[in-house]
Amino acid sequence: MAGLHDRKLLVVITEAALEQSLAEEVLRLGAQGYTVADVRGSGLHGRRAGGFEGDRNIEMKVICSPEVAQRILDRLREAYLEHYSLSAFITDAQVMRPDKFK
């Protein structure tokens, strides 16, 4: 599409207790920002309904370059994946303002 620029959308779904540390990590690794939302669902680890603090999940979205997305995934794998309930995926995204998403 004309006027759009390729980036990656990285989505991380994990325990709410990790929000602050993940936010610091993604910025340190080169993302210019992120969006976080409270989410609920069910999967291999059972149902997460968000009824109490330890049962809450978040979804963090980061739009960035492929290189930054890979750095973040590498850090998730290294520091969090073995110890926390965490899912992550990357998909293609196109943005109108490339200077906001490096």
N, C-alpha and C. Protein backbone atom coordinates (compact mmCIF):
# COMPACT_ATOMS: atom_id res chain seq x y z
N MET A 1 0.85 -1.19 0.00
CA MET A 1 0.00 0.00 0.00
C MET A 1 0.88 1.24 0.00
N ALA A 2 0.47 2.20 -0.73
CA ALA A 2 1.24 3.43 -0.85
C ALA A 2 1.26 4.18 0.48
N GLY A 3 2.42 4.71 0.81
CA GLY A 3 2.55 5.52 2.00
C GLY A 3 2.70 4.75 3.30
N LEU A 4 2.79 3.41 3.22
CA LEU A 4 2.95 2.61 4.43
C LEU A 4 4.36 2.02 4.47
N HIS A 5 4.83 1.75 5.68
CA HIS A 5 6.19 1.27 5.89
C HIS A 5 6.15 -0.02 6.71
N ASP A 6 6.96 -0.99 6.31
CA ASP A 6 6.96 -2.30 6.96
C ASP A 6 7.62 -2.27 8.33
N ARG A 7 6.96 -2.90 9.28
CA ARG A 7 7.48 -3.10 10.63
C ARG A 7 7.00 -4.46 11.11
N LYS A 8 7.31 -4.82 12.33
CA LYS A 8 6.81 -6.05 12.96
C LYS A 8 5.94 -5.68 14.15
N LEU A 9 4.92 -6.48 14.37
CA LEU A 9 4.09 -6.36 15.57
C LEU A 9 4.43 -7.56 16.45
N LEU A 10 5.01 -7.29 17.60
CA LEU A 10 5.33 -8.31 18.58
C LEU A 10 4.25 -8.27 19.66
N VAL A 11 3.64 -9.42 19.93
CA VAL A 11 2.61 -9.52 20.96
C VAL A 11 3.09 -10.51 22.01
N VAL A 12 3.06 -10.08 23.26
CA VAL A 12 3.46 -10.92 24.39
C VAL A 12 2.27 -11.03 25.33
N ILE A 13 1.88 -12.25 25.65
CA ILE A 13 0.81 -12.49 26.62
C ILE A 13 1.46 -13.20 27.80
N THR A 14 1.34 -12.60 28.98
CA THR A 14 2.04 -13.14 30.14
C THR A 14 1.37 -12.70 31.44
N GLU A 15 1.96 -13.09 32.52
CA GLU A 15 1.47 -12.76 33.85
C GLU A 15 1.58 -11.25 34.11
N ALA A 16 0.56 -10.68 34.71
CA ALA A 16 0.53 -9.24 34.97
C ALA A 16 1.69 -8.79 35.85
N ALA A 17 2.19 -9.66 36.68
CA ALA A 17 3.29 -9.31 37.57
C ALA A 17 4.55 -8.91 36.81
N LEU A 18 4.65 -9.28 35.53
CA LEU A 18 5.83 -8.96 34.72
C LEU A 18 5.72 -7.63 33.99
N GLU A 19 4.61 -6.95 34.10
CA GLU A 19 4.40 -5.75 33.29
C GLU A 19 5.52 -4.73 33.42
N GLN A 20 5.88 -4.36 34.63
CA GLN A 20 6.89 -3.32 34.82
C GLN A 20 8.26 -3.75 34.28
N SER A 21 8.68 -4.96 34.58
CA SER A 21 9.99 -5.40 34.12
C SER A 21 10.02 -5.56 32.60
N LEU A 22 8.94 -6.06 32.00
CA LEU A 22 8.90 -6.17 30.54
C LEU A 22 8.90 -4.81 29.87
N ALA A 23 8.17 -3.87 30.45
CA ALA A 23 8.14 -2.51 29.90
C ALA A 23 9.55 -1.92 29.87
N GLU A 24 10.28 -2.08 30.96
CA GLU A 24 11.65 -1.57 31.00
C GLU A 24 12.54 -2.29 29.99
N GLU A 25 12.37 -3.60 29.87
CA GLU A 25 13.19 -4.39 28.95
C GLU A 25 12.96 -3.97 27.49
N VAL A 26 11.69 -3.85 27.06
CA VAL A 26 11.45 -3.54 25.65
C VAL A 26 11.98 -2.16 25.28
N LEU A 27 11.89 -1.21 26.19
CA LEU A 27 12.45 0.11 25.91
C LEU A 27 13.98 0.06 25.87
N ARG A 28 14.57 -0.66 26.79
CA ARG A 28 16.03 -0.79 26.83
C ARG A 28 16.56 -1.49 25.57
N LEU A 29 15.77 -2.39 25.01
CA LEU A 29 16.19 -3.15 23.84
C LEU A 29 15.91 -2.44 22.52
N GLY A 30 15.34 -1.23 22.58
CA GLY A 30 15.22 -0.42 21.37
C GLY A 30 13.82 -0.06 20.93
N ALA A 31 12.79 -0.61 21.54
CA ALA A 31 11.43 -0.22 21.16
C ALA A 31 11.19 1.22 21.61
N GLN A 32 10.39 1.94 20.84
CA GLN A 32 10.08 3.32 21.18
C GLN A 32 8.82 3.44 22.03
N GLY A 33 8.12 2.34 22.21
CA GLY A 33 6.91 2.37 23.01
C GLY A 33 6.24 1.01 23.00
N TYR A 34 5.12 0.92 23.68
CA TYR A 34 4.36 -0.32 23.79
C TYR A 34 2.95 0.02 24.25
N THR A 35 2.05 -0.94 24.10
CA THR A 35 0.69 -0.83 24.61
C THR A 35 0.41 -2.07 25.44
N VAL A 36 -0.23 -1.89 26.59
CA VAL A 36 -0.54 -3.00 27.48
C VAL A 36 -2.04 -3.01 27.77
N ALA A 37 -2.63 -4.21 27.76
CA ALA A 37 -4.04 -4.38 28.12
C ALA A 37 -4.18 -5.60 29.02
N ASP A 38 -5.15 -5.55 29.94
CA ASP A 38 -5.49 -6.72 30.73
C ASP A 38 -6.28 -7.67 29.85
N VAL A 39 -5.95 -8.96 29.93
CA VAL A 39 -6.64 -9.96 29.11
C VAL A 39 -7.00 -11.19 29.94
N ARG A 40 -7.95 -11.96 29.44
CA ARG A 40 -8.37 -13.22 30.05
C ARG A 40 -8.41 -14.27 28.96
N GLY A 41 -8.35 -15.54 29.36
CA GLY A 41 -8.45 -16.59 28.37
C GLY A 41 -8.19 -17.96 28.95
N SER A 42 -8.05 -18.92 28.06
CA SER A 42 -7.81 -20.29 28.46
C SER A 42 -6.81 -20.90 27.50
N GLY A 43 -5.97 -21.78 28.04
CA GLY A 43 -4.96 -22.43 27.21
C GLY A 43 -4.40 -23.64 27.92
N LEU A 44 -3.19 -24.02 27.58
CA LEU A 44 -2.55 -25.19 28.16
C LEU A 44 -2.41 -25.10 29.67
N HIS A 45 -2.25 -23.90 30.19
CA HIS A 45 -2.08 -23.71 31.64
C HIS A 45 -3.41 -23.53 32.35
N GLY A 46 -4.51 -23.75 31.65
CA GLY A 46 -5.82 -23.61 32.26
C GLY A 46 -6.44 -22.26 31.97
N ARG A 47 -7.51 -21.98 32.68
CA ARG A 47 -8.26 -20.74 32.48
C ARG A 47 -7.68 -19.64 33.36
N ARG A 48 -7.49 -18.45 32.78
CA ARG A 48 -7.04 -17.28 33.51
C ARG A 48 -8.16 -16.26 33.43
N ALA A 49 -8.95 -16.18 34.51
CA ALA A 49 -10.13 -15.33 34.50
C ALA A 49 -9.88 -13.95 35.07
N GLY A 50 -8.74 -13.74 35.72
CA GLY A 50 -8.43 -12.43 36.26
C GLY A 50 -9.18 -12.08 37.52
N GLY A 51 -9.66 -13.08 38.24
CA GLY A 51 -10.45 -12.84 39.43
C GLY A 51 -9.67 -12.33 40.62
N PHE A 52 -8.36 -12.57 40.64
CA PHE A 52 -7.50 -12.06 41.71
C PHE A 52 -6.13 -11.74 41.13
N GLU A 53 -5.33 -11.01 41.87
CA GLU A 53 -4.07 -10.47 41.34
C GLU A 53 -3.17 -11.53 40.71
N GLY A 54 -3.01 -12.67 41.35
CA GLY A 54 -2.13 -13.70 40.83
C GLY A 54 -2.68 -14.42 39.61
N ASP A 55 -3.91 -14.14 39.24
CA ASP A 55 -4.58 -14.80 38.12
C ASP A 55 -4.70 -13.88 36.90
N ARG A 56 -4.10 -12.70 36.98
CA ARG A 56 -4.24 -11.71 35.90
C ARG A 56 -3.18 -11.91 34.82
N ASN A 57 -3.57 -11.69 33.57
CA ASN A 57 -2.65 -11.70 32.43
C ASN A 57 -2.70 -10.35 31.75
N ILE A 58 -1.61 -10.03 31.07
CA ILE A 58 -1.56 -8.84 30.23
C ILE A 58 -1.17 -9.24 28.82
N GLU A 59 -1.51 -8.36 27.89
CA GLU A 59 -1.04 -8.47 26.52
C GLU A 59 -0.26 -7.20 26.22
N MET A 60 1.00 -7.36 25.87
CA MET A 60 1.84 -6.21 25.51
C MET A 60 2.08 -6.25 24.01
N LYS A 61 1.81 -5.14 23.35
CA LYS A 61 2.04 -5.02 21.91
C LYS A 61 3.17 -4.02 21.66
N VAL A 62 4.09 -4.41 20.79
CA VAL A 62 5.21 -3.57 20.43
C VAL A 62 5.33 -3.56 18.91
N ILE A 63 5.30 -2.39 18.30
CA ILE A 63 5.54 -2.26 16.87
C ILE A 63 6.96 -1.74 16.73
N CYS A 64 7.78 -2.46 15.96
CA CYS A 64 9.20 -2.12 15.88
C CYS A 64 9.83 -2.74 14.64
N SER A 65 11.11 -2.51 14.49
CA SER A 65 11.86 -3.12 13.39
C SER A 65 12.03 -4.62 13.65
N PRO A 66 12.33 -5.39 12.61
CA PRO A 66 12.59 -6.82 12.82
C PRO A 66 13.74 -7.07 13.79
N GLU A 67 14.76 -6.22 13.74
CA GLU A 67 15.92 -6.40 14.62
C GLU A 67 15.55 -6.20 16.08
N VAL A 68 14.78 -5.18 16.37
CA VAL A 68 14.35 -4.94 17.76
C VAL A 68 13.43 -6.07 18.22
N ALA A 69 12.52 -6.51 17.37
CA ALA A 69 11.63 -7.62 17.72
C ALA A 69 12.43 -8.86 18.07
N GLN A 70 13.47 -9.15 17.30
CA GLN A 70 14.29 -10.33 17.58
C GLN A 70 15.05 -10.19 18.90
N ARG A 71 15.57 -8.99 19.18
CA ARG A 71 16.25 -8.77 20.47
C ARG A 71 15.30 -9.01 21.64
N ILE A 72 14.07 -8.52 21.50
CA ILE A 72 13.09 -8.71 22.58
C ILE A 72 12.76 -10.19 22.73
N LEU A 73 12.52 -10.89 21.63
CA LEU A 73 12.23 -12.33 21.71
C LEU A 73 13.39 -13.09 22.36
N ASP A 74 14.61 -12.75 21.98
CA ASP A 74 15.78 -13.41 22.57
C ASP A 74 15.82 -13.20 24.08
N ARG A 75 15.52 -11.99 24.52
CA ARG A 75 15.52 -11.69 25.95
C ARG A 75 14.39 -12.42 26.68
N LEU A 76 13.21 -12.49 26.06
CA LEU A 76 12.11 -13.24 26.66
C LEU A 76 12.50 -14.70 26.86
N ARG A 77 13.12 -15.28 25.83
CA ARG A 77 13.54 -16.67 25.90
C ARG A 77 14.59 -16.87 26.99
N GLU A 78 15.53 -15.95 27.08
CA GLU A 78 16.64 -16.05 28.03
C GLU A 78 16.21 -15.85 29.48
N ALA A 79 15.34 -14.89 29.73
CA ALA A 79 15.07 -14.48 31.11
C ALA A 79 13.70 -14.88 31.66
N TYR A 80 12.73 -15.15 30.80
CA TYR A 80 11.36 -15.31 31.29
C TYR A 80 10.70 -16.64 30.94
N LEU A 81 10.95 -17.15 29.76
CA LEU A 81 10.16 -18.27 29.23
C LEU A 81 10.14 -19.49 30.13
N GLU A 82 11.25 -19.81 30.74
CA GLU A 82 11.33 -21.01 31.57
C GLU A 82 10.62 -20.85 32.92
N HIS A 83 10.46 -19.63 33.37
CA HIS A 83 9.98 -19.38 34.73
C HIS A 83 8.56 -18.82 34.82
N TYR A 84 7.99 -18.38 33.72
CA TYR A 84 6.69 -17.72 33.76
C TYR A 84 5.78 -18.26 32.66
N SER A 85 4.49 -18.10 32.85
CA SER A 85 3.54 -18.39 31.80
C SER A 85 3.64 -17.25 30.79
N LEU A 86 4.06 -17.57 29.56
CA LEU A 86 4.33 -16.53 28.58
C LEU A 86 4.15 -17.09 27.18
N SER A 87 3.47 -16.36 26.34
CA SER A 87 3.35 -16.66 24.91
C SER A 87 3.73 -15.40 24.14
N ALA A 88 4.35 -15.59 23.00
CA ALA A 88 4.73 -14.43 22.18
C ALA A 88 4.62 -14.81 20.70
N PHE A 89 4.26 -13.83 19.90
CA PHE A 89 4.27 -14.05 18.46
C PHE A 89 4.57 -12.74 17.75
N ILE A 90 5.04 -12.88 16.52
CA ILE A 90 5.36 -11.72 15.67
C ILE A 90 4.56 -11.85 14.38
N THR A 91 4.07 -10.72 13.93
CA THR A 91 3.39 -10.67 12.64
C THR A 91 3.82 -9.40 11.91
N ASP A 92 3.58 -9.38 10.63
CA ASP A 92 3.92 -8.19 9.84
C ASP A 92 2.93 -7.07 10.14
N ALA A 93 3.43 -5.86 10.11
CA ALA A 93 2.59 -4.67 10.29
C ALA A 93 3.06 -3.60 9.32
N GLN A 94 2.17 -2.73 8.94
CA GLN A 94 2.50 -1.58 8.11
C GLN A 94 2.04 -0.33 8.82
N VAL A 95 2.91 0.65 8.89
CA VAL A 95 2.61 1.86 9.65
C VAL A 95 2.69 3.09 8.75
N MET A 96 1.96 4.12 9.14
CA MET A 96 1.95 5.37 8.40
C MET A 96 3.09 6.29 8.83
N ARG A 97 3.54 6.17 10.07
CA ARG A 97 4.56 7.07 10.61
C ARG A 97 5.77 6.25 11.05
N PRO A 98 6.68 5.94 10.13
CA PRO A 98 7.80 5.04 10.44
C PRO A 98 8.74 5.59 11.51
N ASP A 99 8.81 6.89 11.67
CA ASP A 99 9.69 7.48 12.67
C ASP A 99 9.26 7.13 14.09
N LYS A 100 8.01 6.73 14.27
CA LYS A 100 7.50 6.37 15.61
C LYS A 100 7.82 4.92 15.98
N PHE A 101 8.23 4.11 14.99
CA PHE A 101 8.40 2.67 15.22
C PHE A 101 9.72 2.19 14.63
N LYS A 102 10.81 2.41 15.36
CA LYS A 102 12.13 2.02 14.85
C LYS A 102 12.58 0.71 15.42
